[in-house]
Structure formats: structure tokens, C-alpha cells
Amino acid sequence: MWTGRWVKELFGVTAAPLILQWQIDSAAKAVHESQRPIVAVSIAPGDSDQSEFTHQFHKTFEMTPGDFRLRPSRQD
């Protein structure tokens, strides 16, 4: 598949990690900016369950989604 090679050449990784990063970034924004329950946010990116979502979220941000929601907003 030429698209896969193109993505790898352009970004240095395959499409799967890029998609995962986009999903987790989108979920982080939803966790921080909305009042939706975290379980509802975890279902939106297509994770199989909340446990997997929490694991991936913690691996990325070194905190749980609940702790991430409670942190103060950064003013960049």
C-alpha cells in the first residue's frame, strides 16, 4: 500500500500511532473541556473499554483522565 509508505516516510511512523495520538489528544480535550462523564469520552475514540482508554491515557499523560480533568487550565 503506497499510502502507508508515504505516511511512514513523511512522519517517520506508521499511520496507527498517528491515529492513536490524534484519538488520545481529542479525548484529552474532551475530558478537560467538557462535563461529559469520562466513560462517555472513552467510548467516543473507539476504545474497546474504559480500562484500555485509561491505560492509554495514563501512558500518554502520566495521569488518569480524572486527574487530568481536575488540573488547572494552562494559559499559553
Protein backbone atom coordinates (compact mmCIF):
# COMPACT_ATOMS: atom_id res chain seq x y z
CA MET A 1 0.00 0.00 0.00
CA TRP A 2 1.68 3.20 -1.15
CA THR A 3 -0.20 5.42 1.31
CA GLY A 4 1.32 3.55 4.25
CA ARG A 5 4.82 4.02 2.88
CA TRP A 6 4.13 7.71 2.24
CA VAL A 7 2.93 8.24 5.83
CA LYS A 8 5.98 6.41 7.17
CA GLU A 9 8.36 8.46 5.04
CA LEU A 10 6.68 11.75 5.91
CA PHE A 11 6.15 11.25 9.65
CA GLY A 12 8.65 8.52 10.49
CA VAL A 13 5.93 6.23 11.91
CA THR A 14 3.10 4.19 10.50
CA ALA A 15 -0.45 5.50 10.43
CA ALA A 16 -1.57 3.53 13.51
CA PRO A 17 0.46 5.54 16.08
CA LEU A 18 -0.59 8.79 14.41
CA ILE A 19 -4.25 7.83 14.63
CA LEU A 20 -3.85 6.74 18.25
CA GLN A 21 -2.17 10.06 19.13
CA TRP A 22 -4.94 12.01 17.41
CA GLN A 23 -7.58 9.99 19.28
CA ILE A 24 -5.92 10.46 22.68
CA ASP A 25 -5.38 14.19 22.07
CA SER A 26 -9.04 14.58 21.09
CA ALA A 27 -10.11 12.65 24.17
CA ALA A 28 -7.87 14.77 26.42
CA LYS A 29 -9.51 17.91 25.07
CA ALA A 30 -12.96 16.43 25.69
CA VAL A 31 -12.02 15.30 29.21
CA HIS A 32 -10.67 18.73 30.12
CA GLU A 33 -13.21 20.97 28.40
CA SER A 34 -16.49 19.10 28.82
CA GLN A 35 -18.50 17.86 31.73
CA ARG A 36 -19.36 14.60 29.96
CA PRO A 37 -18.63 11.55 32.09
CA ILE A 38 -15.19 10.12 31.39
CA VAL A 39 -16.75 6.81 30.39
CA ALA A 40 -18.65 8.66 27.61
CA VAL A 41 -15.42 10.29 26.45
CA SER A 42 -13.64 6.93 26.47
CA ILE A 43 -16.20 5.37 24.16
CA ALA A 44 -16.02 8.21 21.61
CA PRO A 45 -12.50 7.48 20.28
CA GLY A 46 -13.40 3.86 19.69
CA ASP A 47 -11.60 2.25 22.60
CA SER A 48 -12.85 -1.20 23.42
CA ASP A 49 -13.43 -0.30 27.06
CA GLN A 50 -12.78 2.35 29.67
CA SER A 51 -9.92 0.35 31.18
CA GLU A 52 -7.97 0.39 27.90
CA PHE A 53 -8.72 4.10 27.46
CA THR A 54 -7.48 4.87 30.97
CA HIS A 55 -4.34 2.79 30.41
CA GLN A 56 -3.52 4.56 27.13
CA PHE A 57 -4.36 7.97 28.62
CA HIS A 58 -2.10 7.36 31.64
CA LYS A 59 0.69 6.12 29.38
CA THR A 60 0.49 9.33 27.35
CA PHE A 61 -0.11 11.97 30.03
CA GLU A 62 1.24 10.21 33.16
CA MET A 63 -2.05 10.82 34.97
CA THR A 64 -5.54 9.41 34.94
CA PRO A 65 -8.29 11.11 32.94
CA GLY A 66 -9.92 12.17 36.23
CA ASP A 67 -6.72 13.84 37.46
CA PHE A 68 -6.29 15.44 34.03
CA ARG A 69 -9.78 16.92 34.28
CA LEU A 70 -9.03 18.41 37.70
CA ARG A 71 -5.78 20.14 36.73
CA PRO A 72 -5.94 23.88 36.15
CA SER A 73 -6.12 25.14 32.58
CA ARG A 74 -2.84 26.34 31.13
CA GLN A 75 -2.77 29.87 29.81
CA ASP A 76 -0.33 29.69 26.88
